[in-house]
Amino acid sequence: MNAAETQPIREYVGIIWIEDKPGVRLRVLARSLDEARTGVVEEYGDSHVISIWREEDASKAR
């Protein structure tokens, strides 16, 4: 088992903008941000603007 497989599955949220249409909100279950982004790209293609984050991480102080 590699390190990515031992990470818990978490919820990521985001928005994808396809062409000139309004943004579509996303919810993705993944082990990492990279895995979440890969899943979105596989579903919608890679020529779109994508913003993905974990709500828990976004609310932490920096």
Protein backbone atom coordinates (compact mmCIF):
# COMPACT_ATOMS: atom_id res chain seq x y z
CA MET A 1 0.00 0.00 0.00
CA ASN A 2 1.35 3.43 -0.85
CA ALA A 3 0.77 6.62 1.16
CA ALA A 4 -2.09 7.80 -1.07
CA GLU A 5 -4.05 4.60 -0.42
CA THR A 6 -3.81 5.04 3.35
CA GLN A 7 -5.30 8.54 3.33
CA PRO A 8 -8.97 8.76 4.37
CA ILE A 9 -11.55 9.64 1.75
CA ARG A 10 -12.64 13.26 2.19
CA GLU A 11 -15.13 15.56 0.56
CA TYR A 12 -13.83 18.29 -1.74
CA VAL A 13 -16.02 21.02 -3.16
CA GLY A 14 -15.47 23.29 -6.09
CA ILE A 15 -16.67 25.01 -9.19
CA ILE A 16 -15.98 24.31 -12.85
CA TRP A 17 -16.56 26.85 -15.59
CA ILE A 18 -17.31 25.28 -18.97
CA GLU A 19 -17.02 27.68 -21.90
CA ASP A 20 -19.10 30.80 -21.25
CA LYS A 21 -21.72 29.08 -19.07
CA PRO A 22 -22.20 29.85 -15.36
CA GLY A 23 -20.02 27.83 -12.98
CA VAL A 24 -21.21 24.37 -11.94
CA ARG A 25 -20.75 23.46 -8.27
CA LEU A 26 -19.01 20.14 -7.57
CA ARG A 27 -18.74 17.71 -4.67
CA VAL A 28 -16.04 15.05 -5.02
CA LEU A 29 -14.97 12.27 -2.67
CA ALA A 30 -11.24 11.66 -2.90
CA ARG A 31 -8.12 10.88 -0.86
CA SER A 32 -6.25 14.02 -1.97
CA LEU A 33 -6.68 17.27 -3.84
CA ASP A 34 -4.80 15.82 -6.81
CA GLU A 35 -7.10 12.80 -6.89
CA ALA A 36 -10.16 15.08 -6.71
CA ARG A 37 -8.89 17.25 -9.57
CA THR A 38 -8.04 14.17 -11.66
CA GLY A 39 -11.58 12.85 -11.21
CA VAL A 40 -13.10 16.15 -12.33
CA VAL A 41 -10.80 16.34 -15.37
CA GLU A 42 -11.71 12.76 -16.31
CA GLU A 43 -15.42 13.60 -16.15
CA TYR A 44 -15.46 17.07 -17.75
CA GLY A 45 -12.21 17.30 -19.71
CA ASP A 46 -9.10 19.38 -19.04
CA SER A 47 -9.79 22.53 -21.03
CA HIS A 48 -11.93 24.18 -18.32
CA VAL A 49 -11.24 26.44 -15.36
CA ILE A 50 -11.53 24.36 -12.17
CA SER A 51 -11.37 25.44 -8.55
CA ILE A 52 -11.41 22.70 -5.87
CA TRP A 53 -10.86 22.88 -2.11
CA ARG A 54 -11.73 21.20 1.18
CA GLU A 55 -14.12 23.26 3.28
CA GLU A 56 -12.34 22.10 6.44
CA ASP A 57 -8.99 23.34 5.14
CA ALA A 58 -10.45 26.59 3.85
CA SER A 59 -11.82 27.49 7.29
CA LYS A 60 -8.49 26.95 9.12
CA ALA A 61 -6.41 29.93 10.18
CA ARG A 62 -3.29 30.45 8.09
